[in-house]
Amino acid sequence: MAQDSSFDIVSKVDHQEVANALNQAAKEIHQRYDFKNTGASIAWSGSDQIVMIANAEDRVKAVLDVFETKLVKRGVSLKAITTSDPRQSGKEVRIVATLREGLTQELAKKIAKVVRDDGPKGVKVQVQGDELRVSSKSRDDLQAVIALVKAKDFDAALQFTNYR
């Protein structure tokens, strides 16, 4: 009897890359002339939130743009963060960015439904906590599932791990 092959669909964020992007963005904001005297800053707030502050809405949006640019250069998907709308707080404007990790139950069910409906026959999908396990007897079917999931635009940064 042939052994089933499998892989996991997960949504994880490399915290070290996010920290590096944040440090690079903070350095650029500190050095750039257009951010002088605007009170612009970016910093961690807890383990999974980043706070951007400036004295005007357009400046805080520019800080967010710098941060997003650094994330993209470091290979972190922008789908891995959610940002709040700019909020006035006294004399400053803030944007809070939150890191998103793990698949929500709703998203996991949506991905599983797409794989069952549009994927090759004989592929099994199981929700395991905040990840999905996809298994099949054929590795070609698993490759087809990976291509199918990549082609769909889900609202999360997806990775495919534990391919065996």
C-alpha atoms as a PDB file:
ATOM      1  CA  MET A   1       0.000   0.000   0.000  1.00  0.00           C
ATOM      2  CA  ALA A   2       1.375   3.412  -0.979  1.00  0.00           C
ATOM      3  CA  GLN A   3       2.118   5.971   1.699  1.00  0.00           C
ATOM      4  CA  ASP A   4       0.045   9.169   1.614  1.00  0.00           C
ATOM      5  CA  SER A   5       1.985  12.349   0.877  1.00  0.00           C
ATOM      6  CA  SER A   6       0.957  15.565   2.581  1.00  0.00           C
ATOM      7  CA  PHE A   7       1.711  19.207   3.249  1.00  0.00           C
ATOM      8  CA  ASP A   8       0.391  21.943   5.524  1.00  0.00           C
ATOM      9  CA  ILE A   9      -1.086  25.296   4.537  1.00  0.00           C
ATOM     10  CA  VAL A  10      -0.162  27.832   7.226  1.00  0.00           C
ATOM     11  CA  SER A  11      -0.083  31.589   7.698  1.00  0.00           C
ATOM     12  CA  LYS A  12       3.021  32.578   9.635  1.00  0.00           C
ATOM     13  CA  VAL A  13       5.067  35.768   9.883  1.00  0.00           C
ATOM     14  CA  ASP A  14       8.845  35.879  10.294  1.00  0.00           C
ATOM     15  CA  HIS A  15       9.076  38.198  13.308  1.00  0.00           C
ATOM     16  CA  GLN A  16      12.799  38.798  12.766  1.00  0.00           C
ATOM     17  CA  GLU A  17      12.176  40.103   9.240  1.00  0.00           C
ATOM     18  CA  VAL A  18       9.368  42.360  10.536  1.00  0.00           C
ATOM     19  CA  ALA A  19      11.698  43.681  13.260  1.00  0.00           C
ATOM     20  CA  ASN A  20      14.415  44.322  10.676  1.00  0.00           C
ATOM     21  CA  ALA A  21      11.941  46.162   8.426  1.00  0.00           C
ATOM     22  CA  LEU A  22      10.734  48.227  11.397  1.00  0.00           C
ATOM     23  CA  ASN A  23      14.305  49.166  12.354  1.00  0.00           C
ATOM     24  CA  GLN A  24      15.145  50.140   8.766  1.00  0.00           C
ATOM     25  CA  ALA A  25      11.960  52.216   8.514  1.00  0.00           C
ATOM     26  CA  ALA A  26      12.680  53.953  11.842  1.00  0.00           C
ATOM     27  CA  LYS A  27      16.200  54.793  10.673  1.00  0.00           C
ATOM     28  CA  GLU A  28      14.941  56.192   7.352  1.00  0.00           C
ATOM     29  CA  ILE A  29      12.218  58.242   9.076  1.00  0.00           C
ATOM     30  CA  HIS A  30      14.793  59.673  11.463  1.00  0.00           C
ATOM     31  CA  GLN A  31      17.135  60.667   8.603  1.00  0.00           C
ATOM     32  CA  ARG A  32      14.729  61.944   5.937  1.00  0.00           C
ATOM     33  CA  TYR A  33      14.334  65.696   5.600  1.00  0.00           C
ATOM     34  CA  ASP A  34      10.571  65.597   4.898  1.00  0.00           C
ATOM     35  CA  PHE A  35      10.021  63.978   8.315  1.00  0.00           C
ATOM     36  CA  LYS A  36      11.929  66.688  10.246  1.00  0.00           C
ATOM     37  CA  ASN A  37       9.795  68.426  12.914  1.00  0.00           C
ATOM     38  CA  THR A  38       6.762  66.236  12.215  1.00  0.00           C
ATOM     39  CA  GLY A  39       7.092  64.044  15.296  1.00  0.00           C
ATOM     40  CA  ALA A  40       7.127  61.027  12.989  1.00  0.00           C
ATOM     41  CA  SER A  41       8.025  57.725  14.635  1.00  0.00           C
ATOM     42  CA  ILE A  42       7.404  53.999  14.367  1.00  0.00           C
ATOM     43  CA  ALA A  43       7.780  51.470  17.196  1.00  0.00           C
ATOM     44  CA  TRP A  44       6.563  48.159  18.600  1.00  0.00           C
ATOM     45  CA  SER A  45       3.565  48.247  20.914  1.00  0.00           C
ATOM     46  CA  GLY A  46       3.411  44.818  22.487  1.00  0.00           C
ATOM     47  CA  SER A  47       4.476  41.660  20.680  1.00  0.00           C
ATOM     48  CA  ASP A  48       2.305  41.925  17.575  1.00  0.00           C
ATOM     49  CA  GLN A  49       1.387  45.590  17.132  1.00  0.00           C
ATOM     50  CA  ILE A  50       3.303  48.457  15.560  1.00  0.00           C
ATOM     51  CA  VAL A  51       2.360  52.077  16.220  1.00  0.00           C
ATOM     52  CA  MET A  52       3.126  54.864  13.738  1.00  0.00           C
ATOM     53  CA  ILE A  53       2.823  58.465  14.941  1.00  0.00           C
ATOM     54  CA  ALA A  54       3.131  61.873  13.235  1.00  0.00           C
ATOM     55  CA  ASN A  55       1.598  65.342  13.589  1.00  0.00           C
ATOM     56  CA  ALA A  56      -0.462  65.149  10.365  1.00  0.00           C
ATOM     57  CA  GLU A  57      -2.484  62.464   8.583  1.00  0.00           C
ATOM     58  CA  ASP A  58      -0.431  62.665   5.369  1.00  0.00           C
ATOM     59  CA  ARG A  59       2.832  62.288   7.338  1.00  0.00           C
ATOM     60  CA  VAL A  60       1.629  59.214   9.241  1.00  0.00           C
ATOM     61  CA  LYS A  61       0.495  57.682   5.937  1.00  0.00           C
ATOM     62  CA  ALA A  62       3.991  58.378   4.573  1.00  0.00           C
ATOM     63  CA  VAL A  63       5.451  56.548   7.608  1.00  0.00           C
ATOM     64  CA  LEU A  64       3.168  53.584   6.815  1.00  0.00           C
ATOM     65  CA  ASP A  65       4.316  53.675   3.182  1.00  0.00           C
ATOM     66  CA  VAL A  66       7.977  53.594   4.234  1.00  0.00           C
ATOM     67  CA  PHE A  67       7.276  50.645   6.558  1.00  0.00           C
ATOM     68  CA  GLU A  68       5.348  48.716   3.875  1.00  0.00           C
ATOM     69  CA  THR A  69       8.176  49.299   1.393  1.00  0.00           C
ATOM     70  CA  LYS A  70      10.685  47.864   3.869  1.00  0.00           C
ATOM     71  CA  LEU A  71       8.424  44.843   4.516  1.00  0.00           C
ATOM     72  CA  VAL A  72       8.171  44.078   0.800  1.00  0.00           C
ATOM     73  CA  LYS A  73      11.951  44.383   0.349  1.00  0.00           C
ATOM     74  CA  ARG A  74      12.453  41.902   3.207  1.00  0.00           C
ATOM     75  CA  GLY A  75      10.000  39.396   1.677  1.00  0.00           C
ATOM     76  CA  VAL A  76       7.131  39.832   4.155  1.00  0.00           C
ATOM     77  CA  SER A  77       3.688  39.818   2.535  1.00  0.00           C
ATOM     78  CA  LEU A  78       1.542  42.896   3.156  1.00  0.00           C
ATOM     79  CA  LYS A  79      -1.378  40.507   3.726  1.00  0.00           C
ATOM     80  CA  ALA A  80       0.327  39.586   7.007  1.00  0.00           C
ATOM     81  CA  ILE A  81      -0.502  42.977   8.548  1.00  0.00           C
ATOM     82  CA  THR A  82      -3.747  44.850   9.049  1.00  0.00           C
ATOM     83  CA  THR A  83      -3.675  48.591   9.576  1.00  0.00           C
ATOM     84  CA  SER A  84      -6.175  50.825  11.303  1.00  0.00           C
ATOM     85  CA  ASP A  85      -7.417  54.088   9.851  1.00  0.00           C
ATOM     86  CA  PRO A  86      -5.479  57.181  10.946  1.00  0.00           C
ATOM     87  CA  ARG A  87      -6.854  58.420  14.287  1.00  0.00           C
ATOM     88  CA  GLN A  88      -6.368  61.883  15.727  1.00  0.00           C
ATOM     89  CA  SER A  89      -5.141  61.739  19.321  1.00  0.00           C
ATOM     90  CA  GLY A  90      -4.497  65.193  20.727  1.00  0.00           C
ATOM     91  CA  LYS A  91      -1.865  66.848  18.535  1.00  0.00           C
ATOM     92  CA  GLU A  92      -0.779  63.600  16.884  1.00  0.00           C
ATOM     93  CA  VAL A  93      -2.203  61.154  14.378  1.00  0.00           C
ATOM     94  CA  ARG A  94      -1.715  57.399  14.872  1.00  0.00           C
ATOM     95  CA  ILE A  95      -1.944  54.272  12.763  1.00  0.00           C
ATOM     96  CA  VAL A  96      -1.772  50.868  14.442  1.00  0.00           C
ATOM     97  CA  ALA A  97      -0.598  47.880  12.386  1.00  0.00           C
ATOM     98  CA  THR A  98      -1.312  44.388  13.714  1.00  0.00           C
ATOM     99  CA  LEU A  99       0.482  41.212  12.614  1.00  0.00           C
ATOM    100  CA  ARG A 100      -1.867  38.413  11.548  1.00  0.00           C
ATOM    101  CA  GLU A 101      -0.767  34.828  12.072  1.00  0.00           C
ATOM    102  CA  GLY A 102      -2.635  31.567  11.738  1.00  0.00           C
ATOM    103  CA  LEU A 103      -5.643  30.767   9.613  1.00  0.00           C
ATOM    104  CA  THR A 104      -9.032  31.769  10.980  1.00  0.00           C
ATOM    105  CA  GLN A 105     -11.627  28.991  11.053  1.00  0.00           C
ATOM    106  CA  GLU A 106     -13.616  30.826   8.392  1.00  0.00           C
ATOM    107  CA  LEU A 107     -10.621  31.148   6.027  1.00  0.00           C
ATOM    108  CA  ALA A 108      -9.555  27.531   6.643  1.00  0.00           C
ATOM    109  CA  LYS A 109     -13.048  26.328   5.719  1.00  0.00           C
ATOM    110  CA  LYS A 110     -13.045  28.530   2.600  1.00  0.00           C
ATOM    111  CA  ILE A 111      -9.674  27.119   1.443  1.00  0.00           C
ATOM    112  CA  ALA A 112     -10.791  23.549   2.206  1.00  0.00           C
ATOM    113  CA  LYS A 113     -13.985  24.075   0.187  1.00  0.00           C
ATOM    114  CA  VAL A 114     -12.006  25.397  -2.815  1.00  0.00           C
ATOM    115  CA  VAL A 115      -9.630  22.405  -2.665  1.00  0.00           C
ATOM    116  CA  ARG A 116     -12.527  19.920  -2.425  1.00  0.00           C
ATOM    117  CA  ASP A 117     -14.553  21.577  -5.200  1.00  0.00           C
ATOM    118  CA  ASP A 118     -11.854  22.551  -7.704  1.00  0.00           C
ATOM    119  CA  GLY A 119      -8.925  20.323  -6.736  1.00  0.00           C
ATOM    120  CA  PRO A 120      -8.057  16.837  -7.919  1.00  0.00           C
ATOM    121  CA  LYS A 121     -10.172  13.926  -6.706  1.00  0.00           C
ATOM    122  CA  GLY A 122      -8.737  11.836  -3.885  1.00  0.00           C
ATOM    123  CA  VAL A 123      -7.259  14.811  -2.035  1.00  0.00           C
ATOM    124  CA  LYS A 124      -8.141  14.965   1.670  1.00  0.00           C
ATOM    125  CA  VAL A 125      -8.203  18.255   3.586  1.00  0.00           C
ATOM    126  CA  GLN A 126      -8.274  18.508   7.391  1.00  0.00           C
ATOM    127  CA  VAL A 127      -8.438  21.628   9.552  1.00  0.00           C
ATOM    128  CA  GLN A 128      -5.910  21.291  12.390  1.00  0.00           C
ATOM    129  CA  GLY A 129      -6.136  24.283  14.692  1.00  0.00           C
ATOM    130  CA  ASP A 130      -4.878  27.283  12.739  1.00  0.00           C
ATOM    131  CA  GLU A 131      -3.517  25.303   9.777  1.00  0.00           C
ATOM    132  CA  LEU A 132      -4.728  22.938   7.059  1.00  0.00           C
ATOM    133  CA  ARG A 133      -3.311  19.482   6.321  1.00  0.00           C
ATOM    134  CA  VAL A 134      -3.700  18.380   2.695  1.00  0.00           C
ATOM    135  CA  SER A 135      -2.942  14.740   1.880  1.00  0.00           C
ATOM    136  CA  SER A 136      -3.143  12.501  -1.168  1.00  0.00           C
ATOM    137  CA  LYS A 137      -1.591   9.340  -2.582  1.00  0.00           C
ATOM    138  CA  SER A 138      -0.258  11.293  -5.575  1.00  0.00           C
ATOM    139  CA  ARG A 139       2.381  14.010  -5.207  1.00  0.00           C
ATOM    140  CA  ASP A 140       1.238  15.435  -8.549  1.00  0.00           C
ATOM    141  CA  ASP A 141      -2.192  16.040  -7.025  1.00  0.00           C
ATOM    142  CA  LEU A 142      -0.548  17.905  -4.140  1.00  0.00           C
ATOM    143  CA  GLN A 143       1.387  20.076  -6.610  1.00  0.00           C
ATOM    144  CA  ALA A 144      -1.918  20.816  -8.376  1.00  0.00           C
ATOM    145  CA  VAL A 145      -3.487  21.839  -5.041  1.00  0.00           C
ATOM    146  CA  ILE A 146      -0.574  24.198  -4.294  1.00  0.00           C
ATOM    147  CA  ALA A 147      -0.968  25.795  -7.737  1.00  0.00           C
ATOM    148  CA  LEU A 148      -4.744  26.084  -7.224  1.00  0.00           C
ATOM    149  CA  VAL A 149      -4.418  27.765  -3.821  1.00  0.00           C
ATOM    150  CA  LYS A 150      -1.725  30.155  -5.107  1.00  0.00           C
ATOM    151  CA  ALA A 151      -3.951  31.117  -8.058  1.00  0.00           C
ATOM    152  CA  LYS A 152      -6.840  32.077  -5.760  1.00  0.00           C
ATOM    153  CA  ASP A 153      -6.489  35.374  -3.904  1.00  0.00           C
ATOM    154  CA  PHE A 154      -7.140  34.600  -0.247  1.00  0.00           C
ATOM    155  CA  ASP A 155      -6.939  37.376   2.332  1.00  0.00           C
ATOM    156  CA  ALA A 156      -3.904  35.955   4.139  1.00  0.00           C
ATOM    157  CA  ALA A 157      -0.209  35.351   3.586  1.00  0.00           C
ATOM    158  CA  LEU A 158      -0.143  31.591   2.927  1.00  0.00           C
ATOM    159  CA  GLN A 159       2.856  29.276   3.082  1.00  0.00           C
ATOM    160  CA  PHE A 160       3.119  25.584   2.239  1.00  0.00           C
ATOM    161  CA  THR A 161       5.177  23.612   4.772  1.00  0.00           C
ATOM    162  CA  ASN A 162       5.997  20.016   5.785  1.00  0.00           C
ATOM    163  CA  TYR A 163       5.817  18.699   2.231  1.00  0.00           C
ATOM    164  CA  ARG A 164       6.482  14.965   2.482  1.00  0.00           C
END
